[in-house]
């Protein structure tokens, strides 16, 4: 069997193409991605199966700078709008095959009357459906908690965007610590939609363990991100009970998930920055609140200190005057008591003197001093002449002794 070199094979293919495509032809395709360099434009063209929406054909095309200038003059107002991702175009192309660089379609002209492609129209229909049902921006109604620490990550374990995200979080300048749980999924290809949907279901069952969900990958072509334009996936994100942060493409890409998610960022590191800045704002608010509380406490303490000083002054004034008045009254009462006591004791002494004098007058000894005698008979004092009779013996007690005598006569005194 004859063996051909790769160059010989490619040269044969070039000849076959050259023989069969001698003139330019018109084709329809969807522009999947557009890039430019040095005035040249490079297009990634695709065709999808209408039923399965799977890509069934793909080719690279180019508009050289000279031909682009021609098209600008031909379509000055609409060319840039036609050369957009997702646009269904009708192109006049020249089939070119190079032994080294392979097949490339060289664009010579385009049909400006051709409308947007089926992919773009389908995406627009999905957006219109979600808007009509109020799902665009619905996940934004789920608030991020004040501090985001526990993150459910949907990405591929080998994705560069996932590693960039982790590194960016770990190197945050505030020293915040994060706990990231990876739910590994395919991030491109036919399994992406199913695996991402299953990951969201697993996270929903563990929703109390997480503060937010992040879906990240490192960008890619429109074809790579096609799974994220799924209507079913868009609905699931819109209704998700946790905030879903999207970082699955560059700034030129916007998927359905970008429209329905809580926040859409250009890159995974931008998602990390959003989380870090969110936490930093909370910390700043907390510090500001703490400073305000400290200031209010200090001001209140100063105010209460002044109030206490005023109360102390008022109490001193209010209490001191009655105390002084009471002291004066007490001193007056003490002086009055002293005066009254002296007067009382003086009168009492006078009464005692009079009583003593009266008692002295009644004292037999005092009377004896005056010449009186105390007469007894039979051991009893004689109070009346009727108590003795002639012949009775009586004893008279005088101040300096006693006299015993016999009664010879008793005379009574007429009243």
Protein backbone atom coordinates (compact mmCIF):
# COMPACT_ATOMS: atom_id res chain seq x y z
CA UNK A 1 0.00 0.00 0.00
CA UNK A 2 1.36 3.41 -0.97
CA UNK A 3 2.24 5.81 1.87
CA UNK A 4 1.89 9.60 1.47
CA UNK A 5 3.54 12.33 3.47
CA UNK A 6 1.37 14.85 5.26
CA UNK A 7 2.48 17.54 2.84
CA UNK A 8 1.61 15.35 -0.15
CA UNK A 9 -1.82 14.70 1.30
CA UNK A 10 -2.47 18.37 1.99
CA UNK A 11 -1.19 19.31 -1.46
CA UNK A 12 -3.60 16.82 -3.00
CA UNK A 13 -6.47 18.25 -0.93
CA UNK A 14 -5.52 21.76 -2.08
CA UNK A 15 -5.60 20.67 -5.72
CA UNK A 16 -8.97 18.97 -5.28
CA UNK A 17 -10.41 22.08 -3.65
CA UNK A 18 -8.87 24.33 -6.27
CA UNK A 19 -10.38 22.23 -9.06
CA UNK A 20 -13.85 22.09 -7.46
CA UNK A 21 -14.08 25.63 -6.05
CA UNK A 22 -12.72 27.74 -8.88
CA UNK A 23 -15.11 30.59 -8.13
CA UNK A 24 -16.34 32.22 -4.97
CA UNK A 25 -19.56 30.80 -3.45
CA UNK A 26 -22.22 32.01 -0.99
CA UNK A 27 -22.68 30.19 2.31
CA UNK A 28 -24.77 30.74 5.46
CA UNK A 29 -23.28 30.30 8.90
CA UNK A 30 -23.35 31.69 12.42
CA UNK A 31 -20.51 33.86 13.59
CA UNK A 32 -19.37 32.30 16.83
CA UNK A 33 -16.46 34.63 17.54
CA UNK A 34 -14.74 37.59 15.91
CA UNK A 35 -11.17 38.78 16.40
CA UNK A 36 -8.95 41.29 14.68
CA UNK A 37 -5.26 41.94 14.24
CA UNK A 38 -3.47 44.56 12.16
CA UNK A 39 -6.63 45.41 10.27
CA UNK A 40 -7.48 41.80 9.45
CA UNK A 41 -10.61 40.15 10.85
CA UNK A 42 -10.81 36.48 11.81
CA UNK A 43 -14.14 34.73 12.19
CA UNK A 44 -15.05 31.43 13.80
CA UNK A 45 -18.01 30.14 11.78
CA UNK A 46 -20.36 27.39 12.97
CA UNK A 47 -23.54 25.59 11.95
CA UNK A 48 -25.86 23.92 14.48
CA UNK A 49 -28.40 21.15 14.17
CA UNK A 50 -31.84 22.74 14.36
CA UNK A 51 -33.25 20.01 16.61
CA UNK A 52 -30.38 19.21 18.97
CA UNK A 53 -28.69 22.62 18.84
CA UNK A 54 -25.36 20.78 18.55
CA UNK A 55 -22.59 22.14 16.35
CA UNK A 56 -22.33 20.08 13.20
CA UNK A 57 -19.83 22.17 11.25
CA UNK A 58 -17.07 24.64 12.06
CA UNK A 59 -14.54 26.56 10.01
CA UNK A 60 -12.19 29.53 10.21
CA UNK A 61 -12.70 32.53 7.95
CA UNK A 62 -10.83 35.74 7.38
CA UNK A 63 -11.45 39.21 6.00
CA UNK A 64 -8.19 40.74 4.88
CA UNK A 65 -7.70 44.40 5.66
CA UNK A 66 -8.06 45.52 2.04
CA UNK A 67 -11.34 43.67 1.66
CA UNK A 68 -12.53 45.00 5.05
CA UNK A 69 -11.96 48.58 3.82
CA UNK A 70 -14.03 47.73 0.76
CA UNK A 71 -16.85 46.36 2.92
CA UNK A 72 -16.74 49.43 5.18
CA UNK A 73 -17.32 51.63 2.17
CA UNK A 74 -20.10 49.35 0.95
CA UNK A 75 -21.82 49.06 4.38
CA UNK A 76 -20.60 52.10 6.37
CA UNK A 77 -23.36 52.02 8.99
CA UNK A 78 -24.08 48.34 9.58
CA UNK A 79 -20.88 46.37 9.04
CA UNK A 80 -19.75 46.39 12.66
CA UNK A 81 -23.24 45.37 13.76
CA UNK A 82 -23.18 42.42 11.36
CA UNK A 83 -19.76 41.23 12.51
CA UNK A 84 -20.92 40.32 16.00
CA UNK A 85 -20.87 37.05 17.90
CA UNK A 86 -24.07 35.08 17.41
CA UNK A 87 -24.96 36.75 14.10
CA UNK A 88 -26.31 34.52 11.33
CA UNK A 89 -24.66 35.74 8.13
CA UNK A 90 -24.67 35.03 4.43
CA UNK A 91 -21.10 35.30 3.15
CA UNK A 92 -19.44 35.22 -0.22
CA UNK A 93 -16.28 33.23 0.35
CA UNK A 94 -13.32 31.87 -1.54
CA UNK A 95 -12.29 28.41 -0.34
CA UNK A 96 -8.56 28.38 0.36
CA UNK A 97 -6.47 25.47 1.53
CA UNK A 98 -2.80 25.77 2.47
CA UNK A 99 -0.56 22.79 3.01
CA UNK A 100 0.72 24.23 6.30
CA UNK A 101 -2.19 26.23 7.68
CA UNK A 102 -5.06 24.10 6.47
CA UNK A 103 -8.50 25.22 5.35
CA UNK A 104 -9.54 28.86 5.55
CA UNK A 105 -12.47 30.65 4.02
CA UNK A 106 -11.56 34.05 2.59
CA UNK A 107 -14.52 36.41 2.81
CA UNK A 108 -15.06 38.66 -0.19
CA UNK A 109 -18.55 39.99 0.48
CA UNK A 110 -21.60 39.57 2.69
CA UNK A 111 -25.34 39.95 2.35
CA UNK A 112 -26.40 42.90 4.49
CA UNK A 113 -30.05 41.89 4.24
CA UNK A 114 -29.48 38.64 6.10
CA UNK A 115 -30.76 38.80 9.68
CA UNK A 116 -29.29 37.71 12.93
CA UNK A 117 -28.48 34.03 13.20
CA UNK A 118 -30.52 31.32 14.80
CA UNK A 119 -28.25 31.13 17.82
CA UNK A 120 -28.65 34.82 18.54
CA UNK A 121 -32.38 34.68 17.90
CA UNK A 122 -32.72 31.70 20.22
CA UNK A 123 -30.76 33.52 22.89
CA UNK A 124 -32.93 36.58 22.44
CA UNK A 125 -36.05 34.41 22.73
CA UNK A 126 -34.70 32.91 25.96
CA UNK A 127 -33.97 36.40 27.32
CA UNK A 128 -37.46 37.59 26.34
CA UNK A 129 -39.02 34.55 28.03
CA UNK A 130 -37.05 35.09 31.24
CA UNK A 131 -37.85 38.80 31.21
CA UNK A 132 -41.53 38.09 30.71
CA UNK A 133 -41.48 35.76 33.72
CA UNK A 134 -39.62 38.29 35.84
CA UNK A 135 -36.51 36.12 36.21
CA UNK A 136 -33.93 38.59 34.91
CA UNK A 137 -32.37 40.02 38.06
CA UNK A 138 -34.45 37.82 40.38
CA UNK A 139 -31.37 36.30 42.04
CA UNK A 140 -30.24 39.85 42.85
CA UNK A 141 -33.11 39.93 45.34
CA UNK A 142 -31.21 37.34 47.41
CA UNK A 143 -28.94 39.49 49.53
CA UNK A 144 -25.34 38.68 50.19
CA UNK A 145 -24.80 38.13 53.93
CA UNK A 146 -22.80 40.88 55.68
CA UNK A 147 -19.71 38.66 55.58
CA UNK A 148 -19.05 36.03 52.88
CA UNK A 149 -16.81 33.26 54.21
CA UNK A 150 -18.25 29.92 53.14
CA UNK A 151 -18.32 29.63 49.35
CA UNK A 152 -19.72 26.86 47.15
CA UNK A 153 -17.63 26.80 43.99
CA UNK A 154 -18.84 25.38 40.66
CA UNK A 155 -15.87 24.97 38.34
CA UNK A 156 -13.42 22.45 37.01
CA UNK A 157 -10.66 21.45 39.42
CA UNK A 158 -8.16 21.93 36.60
CA UNK A 159 -9.53 25.25 35.36
CA UNK A 160 -7.02 28.09 35.47
CA UNK A 161 -9.81 30.45 36.46
CA UNK A 162 -10.56 28.36 39.57
CA UNK A 163 -6.91 28.45 40.67
CA UNK A 164 -6.75 32.19 39.99
CA UNK A 165 -9.83 32.64 42.15
CA UNK A 166 -8.36 30.66 45.05
CA UNK A 167 -5.00 32.46 44.83
CA UNK A 168 -6.67 35.85 44.74
CA UNK A 169 -8.79 35.07 47.79
CA UNK A 170 -5.81 33.69 49.70
CA UNK A 171 -3.66 36.73 48.94
CA UNK A 172 -6.23 39.32 50.03
CA UNK A 173 -4.54 42.25 51.83
CA UNK A 174 -6.88 42.11 54.84
CA UNK A 175 -5.95 38.62 55.98
CA UNK A 176 -9.53 37.34 55.60
CA UNK A 177 -9.97 33.56 55.73
CA UNK A 178 -12.34 31.79 53.36
CA UNK A 179 -13.68 28.25 53.14
CA UNK A 180 -14.23 27.15 49.54
CA UNK A 181 -15.99 23.88 48.72
CA UNK A 182 -15.52 22.80 45.09
CA UNK A 183 -18.32 21.08 43.18
CA UNK A 184 -16.29 19.97 40.19
CA UNK A 185 -18.06 20.05 36.82
CA UNK A 186 -17.23 20.25 33.15
CA UNK A 187 -17.08 23.89 32.10
CA UNK A 188 -17.42 23.36 28.37
CA UNK A 189 -18.86 20.72 26.10
CA UNK A 190 -22.06 18.75 26.00
CA UNK A 191 -21.92 17.69 29.68
CA UNK A 192 -21.60 21.20 31.09
CA UNK A 193 -25.28 22.05 31.40
CA UNK A 194 -26.17 18.76 33.09
CA UNK A 195 -23.23 18.76 35.53
CA UNK A 196 -23.67 22.41 36.53
CA UNK A 197 -27.39 21.79 37.10
CA UNK A 198 -26.62 18.77 39.31
CA UNK A 199 -24.05 20.78 41.27
CA UNK A 200 -26.64 23.50 41.94
CA UNK A 201 -29.06 20.86 43.21
CA UNK A 202 -26.41 19.47 45.59
CA UNK A 203 -25.62 22.94 46.90
CA UNK A 204 -29.31 23.72 47.40
CA UNK A 205 -29.61 20.68 49.67
CA UNK A 206 -26.72 22.08 51.77
CA UNK A 207 -27.69 25.73 51.50
CA UNK A 208 -27.25 26.37 55.23
CA UNK A 209 -23.53 25.59 54.92
CA UNK A 210 -22.77 28.38 52.43
CA UNK A 211 -22.98 32.14 52.08
CA UNK A 212 -22.84 32.29 48.28
CA UNK A 213 -22.28 30.27 45.10
CA UNK A 214 -19.58 31.09 42.53
CA UNK A 215 -19.58 29.78 38.96
CA UNK A 216 -16.20 30.54 37.39
CA UNK A 217 -14.05 29.55 34.47
CA UNK A 218 -11.27 31.27 32.58
CA UNK A 219 -13.21 32.61 29.64
CA UNK A 220 -13.23 31.09 26.20
CA UNK A 221 -14.85 31.32 22.82
CA UNK A 222 -18.55 31.77 22.25
CA UNK A 223 -18.70 28.09 21.46
CA UNK A 224 -17.06 27.21 24.78
CA UNK A 225 -19.63 29.26 26.67
CA UNK A 226 -22.69 28.04 24.76
CA UNK A 227 -23.86 25.84 27.66
CA UNK A 228 -24.29 28.89 29.88
CA UNK A 229 -26.98 30.23 27.50
CA UNK A 230 -29.27 27.39 28.56
CA UNK A 231 -32.82 28.43 29.45
CA UNK A 232 -33.13 25.61 32.01
CA UNK A 233 -29.86 26.60 33.70
CA UNK A 234 -30.91 30.23 33.64
CA UNK A 235 -34.15 29.39 35.45
CA UNK A 236 -32.32 27.37 38.09
CA UNK A 237 -29.89 30.21 38.83
CA UNK A 238 -32.69 32.80 38.87
CA UNK A 239 -34.65 30.83 41.49
CA UNK A 240 -31.61 29.75 43.52
CA UNK A 241 -31.93 30.39 47.28
CA UNK A 242 -28.35 31.67 47.60
CA UNK A 243 -26.71 34.57 45.74
CA UNK A 244 -24.97 33.24 42.61
CA UNK A 245 -21.85 35.11 41.46
CA UNK A 246 -20.90 34.58 37.81
CA UNK A 247 -17.36 34.84 36.42
CA UNK A 248 -17.30 32.62 33.34
CA UNK A 249 -15.98 34.83 30.55
CA UNK A 250 -14.22 37.94 29.44
CA UNK A 251 -15.81 41.34 29.12
CA UNK A 252 -16.82 40.66 25.50
CA UNK A 253 -18.94 37.65 26.54
CA UNK A 254 -22.31 37.80 28.24
CA UNK A 255 -24.28 34.63 28.82
CA UNK A 256 -27.79 33.98 30.08
CA UNK A 257 -26.28 33.19 33.49
CA UNK A 258 -24.67 36.65 33.52
CA UNK A 259 -28.14 38.15 33.09
CA UNK A 260 -29.94 36.08 35.72
CA UNK A 261 -27.18 35.74 38.34
CA UNK A 262 -26.77 37.93 41.41
CA UNK A 263 -23.59 39.55 40.07
CA UNK A 264 -21.76 39.17 36.77
CA UNK A 265 -18.01 39.78 36.67
CA UNK A 266 -15.54 39.69 33.82
CA UNK A 267 -13.13 37.16 35.33
CA UNK A 268 -12.85 34.77 38.30
CA UNK A 269 -10.42 37.16 39.99
CA UNK A 270 -13.02 39.91 39.64
CA UNK A 271 -15.47 37.66 41.51
CA UNK A 272 -12.85 37.22 44.24
CA UNK A 273 -12.36 41.00 44.36
CA UNK A 274 -16.11 41.51 44.76
CA UNK A 275 -16.20 39.15 47.77
CA UNK A 276 -13.09 40.72 49.35
CA UNK A 277 -14.40 44.25 48.82
CA UNK A 278 -17.82 43.24 50.17
CA UNK A 279 -16.23 41.95 53.39
CA UNK A 280 -13.95 45.00 53.60
CA UNK A 281 -16.96 47.32 53.34
CA UNK A 282 -18.63 45.47 56.19
CA UNK A 283 -15.45 45.68 58.27
CA UNK A 284 -15.22 49.38 57.49
CA UNK A 285 -18.85 49.90 58.49
CA UNK A 286 -18.30 47.89 61.65
CA UNK A 287 -15.22 49.95 62.55
CA UNK A 288 -17.07 53.15 61.75
CA UNK A 289 -19.99 52.02 63.88
CA UNK A 290 -17.64 51.08 66.71
CA UNK A 291 -15.96 54.50 66.49
CA UNK A 292 -19.33 56.22 66.45
CA UNK A 293 -20.49 54.20 69.46
CA UNK A 294 -17.24 55.02 71.28
CA UNK A 295 -17.66 58.70 70.44
CA UNK A 296 -21.30 58.68 71.55
CA UNK A 297 -20.37 56.94 74.80
CA UNK A 298 -17.58 59.43 75.41
CA UNK A 299 -19.92 62.35 74.69
CA UNK A 300 -22.60 60.83 76.92
CA UNK A 301 -20.11 60.31 79.72
CA UNK A 302 -18.96 63.91 79.42
CA UNK A 303 -22.58 65.10 79.45
CA UNK A 304 -23.46 62.94 82.44
CA UNK A 305 -20.29 64.09 84.19
CA UNK A 306 -21.37 67.70 83.73
CA UNK A 307 -24.87 66.79 84.88
CA UNK A 308 -23.49 65.08 87.97
CA UNK A 309 -21.31 68.08 88.72
CA UNK A 310 -24.35 70.36 88.38
CA UNK A 311 -26.44 68.02 90.53
CA UNK A 312 -23.66 67.91 93.10
CA UNK A 313 -23.48 71.68 93.13
CA UNK A 314 -27.25 71.95 93.41
CA UNK A 315 -27.37 69.31 96.14
CA UNK A 316 -24.61 71.09 98.00
CA UNK A 317 -26.54 74.31 97.74
CA UNK A 318 -29.94 72.74 98.45
CA UNK A 319 -28.74 70.54 101.30
CA UNK A 320 -26.18 72.86 102.88
CA UNK A 321 -28.68 75.68 103.53
CA UNK A 322 -31.17 73.47 105.44
CA UNK A 323 -28.29 71.86 107.29
CA UNK A 324 -26.93 75.24 108.32
CA UNK A 325 -30.41 76.34 109.26
CA UNK A 326 -30.89 73.16 111.26
CA UNK A 327 -27.54 73.64 112.92
CA UNK A 328 -28.51 77.17 113.89
CA UNK A 329 -31.84 75.95 115.19
CA UNK A 330 -30.10 73.17 117.08
CA UNK A 331 -27.70 75.64 118.65
CA UNK A 332 -30.67 77.87 119.53
CA UNK A 333 -32.49 74.91 121.03
CA UNK A 334 -29.38 73.94 122.97
CA UNK A 335 -29.05 77.46 124.35
CA UNK A 336 -32.76 77.57 125.10
CA UNK A 337 -32.55 74.17 126.76
CA UNK A 338 -29.61 75.31 128.83
CA UNK A 339 -31.50 78.43 129.89
CA UNK A 340 -34.66 76.49 130.62
CA UNK A 341 -32.74 73.87 132.54
CA UNK A 342 -31.01 76.51 134.62
CA UNK A 343 -34.32 78.24 135.33
CA UNK A 344 -35.95 74.92 136.11
CA UNK A 345 -33.23 73.82 138.47
CA UNK A 346 -33.20 77.24 140.14
CA UNK A 347 -36.94 77.08 140.78
CA UNK A 348 -36.59 73.45 141.79
CA UNK A 349 -33.87 74.37 144.29
CA UNK A 350 -36.06 77.11 145.69
CA UNK A 351 -38.87 74.62 146.08
CA UNK A 352 -36.48 72.22 147.76
CA UNK A 353 -35.36 74.99 150.09
CA UNK A 354 -38.96 75.80 150.97
CA UNK A 355 -39.75 72.14 151.44
CA UNK A 356 -36.67 71.76 153.59
CA UNK A 357 -37.72 74.74 155.60
CA UNK A 358 -41.19 73.33 155.96
CA UNK A 359 -39.78 69.98 156.94
CA UNK A 360 -37.56 71.68 159.47
CA UNK A 361 -40.50 73.35 161.00
CA UNK A 362 -42.09 69.96 161.45
CA UNK A 363 -38.95 68.37 162.79
CA UNK A 364 -39.27 67.89 166.59
CA UNK A 365 -35.60 68.64 167.05
CA UNK A 366 -36.04 71.97 165.31
CA UNK A 367 -38.97 72.78 167.58
CA UNK A 368 -37.00 71.70 170.62
CA UNK A 369 -34.42 74.27 169.61
CA UNK A 370 -37.19 76.83 169.96
CA UNK A 371 -37.96 75.71 173.52
CA UNK A 372 -40.64 73.18 172.82
CA UNK A 373 -40.79 69.76 174.43
CA UNK A 374 -42.07 66.43 173.19
CA UNK A 375 -44.28 64.79 175.87
CA UNK A 376 -44.77 61.01 176.15
CA UNK A 377 -46.84 58.92 178.47
CA UNK A 378 -46.82 55.21 178.51
CA UNK A 379 -44.33 55.33 175.59
CA UNK A 380 -46.76 57.20 173.41
CA UNK A 381 -46.65 60.87 172.40
CA UNK A 382 -49.22 63.09 174.09
CA UNK A 383 -51.19 65.12 171.61
CA UNK A 384 -53.88 66.49 173.94
CA UNK A 385 -54.36 67.20 177.65
CA UNK A 386 -57.24 64.79 177.50
CA UNK A 387 -54.78 61.93 177.04
CA UNK A 388 -53.39 62.40 180.64
CA UNK A 389 -54.87 62.51 184.05
CA UNK A 390 -53.61 63.73 187.38
CA UNK A 391 -51.20 61.24 188.86
CA UNK A 392 -49.98 60.04 185.42
CA UNK A 393 -46.29 59.96 184.95
CA UNK A 394 -45.14 61.79 181.82
CA UNK A 395 -41.78 62.18 180.20
CA UNK A 396 -40.85 65.47 178.49
CA UNK A 397 -38.07 65.40 175.92
CA UNK A 398 -36.16 68.63 175.53
CA UNK A 399 -33.29 69.56 173.20
CA UNK A 400 -30.70 68.55 175.67
CA UNK A 401 -32.42 65.78 177.63
CA UNK A 402 -35.62 64.51 179.24
CA UNK A 403 -37.68 65.26 182.34
CA UNK A 404 -39.96 62.77 184.07
CA UNK A 405 -42.77 64.26 186.12
CA UNK A 406 -46.12 63.41 187.69
CA UNK A 407 -49.31 65.18 186.56
CA UNK A 408 -50.92 67.00 189.43
CA UNK A 409 -53.57 68.91 187.51
CA UNK A 410 -55.05 68.95 183.98
CA UNK A 411 -56.61 72.10 182.52
CA UNK A 412 -58.18 72.38 179.12
CA UNK A 413 -58.13 75.52 176.99
CA UNK A 414 -61.35 76.90 175.82
CA UNK A 415 -61.65 77.17 172.04
